[in-house]
């Protein structure tokens, strides 16, 4: 049985966007990765992510990241 995980990491930030590295893991090893921009004011990702669950995880990660930065 393959274990799957998705990891997110912010690699850059501007006033209008976050650049996020999304890494998909299989059995604790990187399997696929890509860079995605989160457009802050539009609250959308570019390019779009296939899969409702992956998109929702990415959006929540970005919102959480921005909330934590605002609190500092």
N, C-alpha and C. Protein backbone atom coordinates (compact mmCIF):
# COMPACT_ATOMS: atom_id res chain seq x y z
N UNK A 1 0.84 -1.19 0.00
CA UNK A 1 0.00 0.00 0.00
C UNK A 1 0.88 1.24 0.00
N UNK A 2 0.67 2.12 -0.96
CA UNK A 2 1.45 3.35 -1.06
C UNK A 2 0.88 4.42 -0.16
N UNK A 3 1.75 5.05 0.58
CA UNK A 3 1.36 6.19 1.41
C UNK A 3 1.62 7.46 0.63
N UNK A 4 0.64 8.34 0.59
CA UNK A 4 0.75 9.58 -0.17
C UNK A 4 0.66 10.77 0.77
N UNK A 5 1.48 11.76 0.50
CA UNK A 5 1.44 13.02 1.27
C UNK A 5 1.71 14.17 0.32
N UNK A 6 1.21 15.34 0.66
CA UNK A 6 1.50 16.55 -0.09
C UNK A 6 2.10 17.55 0.88
N UNK A 7 3.22 18.11 0.50
CA UNK A 7 3.90 19.11 1.31
C UNK A 7 3.90 20.44 0.56
N UNK A 8 3.78 21.52 1.30
CA UNK A 8 3.78 22.85 0.71
C UNK A 8 4.85 23.70 1.39
N UNK A 9 5.49 24.55 0.60
CA UNK A 9 6.49 25.45 1.14
C UNK A 9 6.48 26.75 0.35
N UNK A 10 6.39 27.87 1.05
CA UNK A 10 6.44 29.17 0.38
C UNK A 10 7.89 29.46 0.04
N UNK A 11 8.14 29.73 -1.25
CA UNK A 11 9.50 30.01 -1.70
C UNK A 11 9.72 31.49 -2.04
N UNK A 12 8.63 32.24 -2.23
CA UNK A 12 8.74 33.68 -2.50
C UNK A 12 7.41 34.35 -2.20
N UNK A 13 7.50 35.65 -1.92
CA UNK A 13 6.28 36.42 -1.64
C UNK A 13 6.42 37.81 -2.20
N UNK A 14 5.34 38.28 -2.81
CA UNK A 14 5.23 39.68 -3.22
C UNK A 14 3.98 40.23 -2.55
N UNK A 15 3.68 41.47 -2.80
CA UNK A 15 2.46 42.05 -2.24
C UNK A 15 1.21 41.35 -2.76
N UNK A 16 1.28 40.85 -4.00
CA UNK A 16 0.10 40.28 -4.66
C UNK A 16 0.06 38.76 -4.71
N UNK A 17 1.19 38.08 -4.41
CA UNK A 17 1.18 36.63 -4.59
C UNK A 17 2.18 35.92 -3.69
N UNK A 18 1.92 34.63 -3.53
CA UNK A 18 2.86 33.70 -2.90
C UNK A 18 3.29 32.72 -3.97
N UNK A 19 4.55 32.36 -3.99
CA UNK A 19 5.02 31.28 -4.83
C UNK A 19 5.22 30.09 -3.91
N UNK A 20 4.56 28.99 -4.24
CA UNK A 20 4.55 27.81 -3.36
C UNK A 20 5.08 26.61 -4.11
N UNK A 21 5.98 25.88 -3.46
CA UNK A 21 6.46 24.61 -3.99
C UNK A 21 5.56 23.53 -3.41
N UNK A 22 4.92 22.76 -4.29
CA UNK A 22 4.05 21.65 -3.87
C UNK A 22 4.76 20.35 -4.22
N UNK A 23 5.03 19.53 -3.20
CA UNK A 23 5.72 18.26 -3.40
C UNK A 23 4.77 17.13 -3.02
N UNK A 24 4.57 16.21 -3.94
CA UNK A 24 3.78 15.02 -3.66
C UNK A 24 4.74 13.88 -3.35
N UNK A 25 4.47 13.17 -2.26
CA UNK A 25 5.33 12.08 -1.83
C UNK A 25 4.59 10.74 -1.92
N UNK A 26 5.34 9.72 -2.25
CA UNK A 26 4.85 8.34 -2.21
C UNK A 26 5.79 7.57 -1.30
N UNK A 27 5.25 6.95 -0.26
CA UNK A 27 6.07 6.18 0.68
C UNK A 27 7.25 6.99 1.21
N UNK A 28 6.99 8.25 1.54
CA UNK A 28 7.97 9.15 2.16
C UNK A 28 9.08 9.60 1.23
N UNK A 29 8.91 9.44 -0.09
CA UNK A 29 9.90 9.90 -1.07
C UNK A 29 9.23 10.85 -2.04
N UNK A 30 9.91 11.93 -2.42
CA UNK A 30 9.33 12.85 -3.41
C UNK A 30 9.03 12.11 -4.71
N UNK A 31 7.83 12.32 -5.22
CA UNK A 31 7.40 11.66 -6.45
C UNK A 31 7.15 12.67 -7.57
N UNK A 32 6.59 13.82 -7.22
CA UNK A 32 6.32 14.86 -8.20
C UNK A 32 6.31 16.20 -7.47
N UNK A 33 6.65 17.25 -8.18
CA UNK A 33 6.64 18.58 -7.59
C UNK A 33 6.41 19.61 -8.66
N UNK A 34 5.86 20.75 -8.23
CA UNK A 34 5.68 21.88 -9.14
C UNK A 34 5.54 23.16 -8.33
N UNK A 35 5.78 24.25 -9.00
CA UNK A 35 5.66 25.58 -8.40
C UNK A 35 4.35 26.19 -8.84
N UNK A 36 3.63 26.73 -7.86
CA UNK A 36 2.31 27.30 -8.11
C UNK A 36 2.25 28.68 -7.45
N UNK A 37 1.61 29.62 -8.13
CA UNK A 37 1.41 30.95 -7.56
C UNK A 37 0.01 31.03 -6.95
N UNK A 38 -0.05 31.59 -5.74
CA UNK A 38 -1.33 31.88 -5.10
C UNK A 38 -1.53 33.39 -5.22
N UNK A 39 -2.57 33.78 -5.93
CA UNK A 39 -2.86 35.20 -6.12
C UNK A 39 -3.70 35.68 -4.94
N UNK A 40 -3.09 36.45 -4.08
CA UNK A 40 -3.64 36.79 -2.76
C UNK A 40 -5.00 37.47 -2.85
N UNK A 41 -5.14 38.51 -3.66
CA UNK A 41 -6.38 39.27 -3.67
C UNK A 41 -7.50 38.55 -4.43
N UNK A 42 -7.12 37.68 -5.35
CA UNK A 42 -8.11 36.91 -6.10
C UNK A 42 -8.43 35.57 -5.43
N UNK A 43 -7.59 35.19 -4.48
CA UNK A 43 -7.73 33.92 -3.75
C UNK A 43 -7.87 32.73 -4.71
N UNK A 44 -6.90 32.66 -5.63
CA UNK A 44 -6.89 31.55 -6.57
C UNK A 44 -5.46 31.14 -6.87
N UNK A 45 -5.29 29.95 -7.42
CA UNK A 45 -3.97 29.44 -7.76
C UNK A 45 -3.77 29.47 -9.26
N UNK A 46 -2.50 29.67 -9.66
CA UNK A 46 -2.15 29.71 -11.07
C UNK A 46 -0.81 29.02 -11.27
N UNK A 47 -0.74 27.96 -12.03
CA UNK A 47 -1.85 27.33 -12.75
C UNK A 47 -2.78 26.60 -11.80
N UNK A 48 -3.97 26.35 -12.26
CA UNK A 48 -4.96 25.65 -11.44
C UNK A 48 -4.47 24.24 -11.11
N UNK A 49 -4.92 23.73 -10.00
CA UNK A 49 -4.53 22.39 -9.54
C UNK A 49 -5.68 21.43 -9.83
N UNK A 50 -5.36 20.30 -10.43
CA UNK A 50 -6.41 19.30 -10.65
C UNK A 50 -6.73 18.62 -9.33
N UNK A 51 -7.96 18.31 -9.13
CA UNK A 51 -8.37 17.64 -7.91
C UNK A 51 -8.87 18.62 -6.87
N UNK A 52 -10.11 18.42 -6.47
CA UNK A 52 -10.75 19.31 -5.49
C UNK A 52 -10.00 19.29 -4.16
N UNK A 53 -9.59 18.13 -3.72
CA UNK A 53 -8.91 18.01 -2.42
C UNK A 53 -7.56 18.73 -2.44
N UNK A 54 -6.77 18.50 -3.48
CA UNK A 54 -5.46 19.16 -3.58
C UNK A 54 -5.62 20.68 -3.63
N UNK A 55 -6.58 21.16 -4.42
CA UNK A 55 -6.81 22.60 -4.52
C UNK A 55 -7.20 23.17 -3.16
N UNK A 56 -8.11 22.48 -2.45
CA UNK A 56 -8.55 22.95 -1.13
C UNK A 56 -7.39 22.98 -0.14
N UNK A 57 -6.54 21.97 -0.17
CA UNK A 57 -5.38 21.94 0.73
C UNK A 57 -4.43 23.10 0.43
N UNK A 58 -4.20 23.35 -0.84
CA UNK A 58 -3.32 24.45 -1.25
C UNK A 58 -3.89 25.79 -0.80
N UNK A 59 -5.18 26.01 -1.04
CA UNK A 59 -5.80 27.28 -0.64
C UNK A 59 -5.73 27.47 0.87
N UNK A 60 -6.01 26.42 1.62
CA UNK A 60 -5.98 26.54 3.09
C UNK A 60 -4.56 26.78 3.59
N UNK A 61 -3.58 26.11 2.98
CA UNK A 61 -2.19 26.35 3.36
C UNK A 61 -1.83 27.82 3.16
N UNK A 62 -2.19 28.38 2.02
CA UNK A 62 -1.86 29.78 1.72
C UNK A 62 -2.57 30.74 2.67
N UNK A 63 -3.84 30.48 2.94
CA UNK A 63 -4.58 31.33 3.88
C UNK A 63 -3.96 31.27 5.27
N UNK A 64 -3.60 30.08 5.70
CA UNK A 64 -2.98 29.90 7.01
C UNK A 64 -1.62 30.61 7.08
N UNK A 65 -0.84 30.48 6.03
CA UNK A 65 0.46 31.15 5.97
C UNK A 65 0.29 32.66 6.12
N UNK A 66 -0.65 33.23 5.38
CA UNK A 66 -0.88 34.68 5.44
C UNK A 66 -1.39 35.11 6.81
N UNK A 67 -2.25 34.30 7.42
CA UNK A 67 -2.74 34.61 8.77
C UNK A 67 -1.59 34.63 9.76
N UNK A 68 -0.69 33.67 9.68
CA UNK A 68 0.46 33.61 10.60
C UNK A 68 1.39 34.79 10.39
N UNK A 69 1.60 35.19 9.15
CA UNK A 69 2.46 36.35 8.87
C UNK A 69 1.85 37.63 9.38
N UNK A 70 0.54 37.73 9.31
CA UNK A 70 -0.17 38.93 9.79
C UNK A 70 -0.06 39.07 11.31
N UNK A 71 -0.01 37.94 12.02
CA UNK A 71 0.05 37.95 13.47
C UNK A 71 1.42 38.36 13.98
N UNK A 72 2.44 38.25 13.16
CA UNK A 72 3.81 38.57 13.61
C UNK A 72 4.07 40.05 13.63
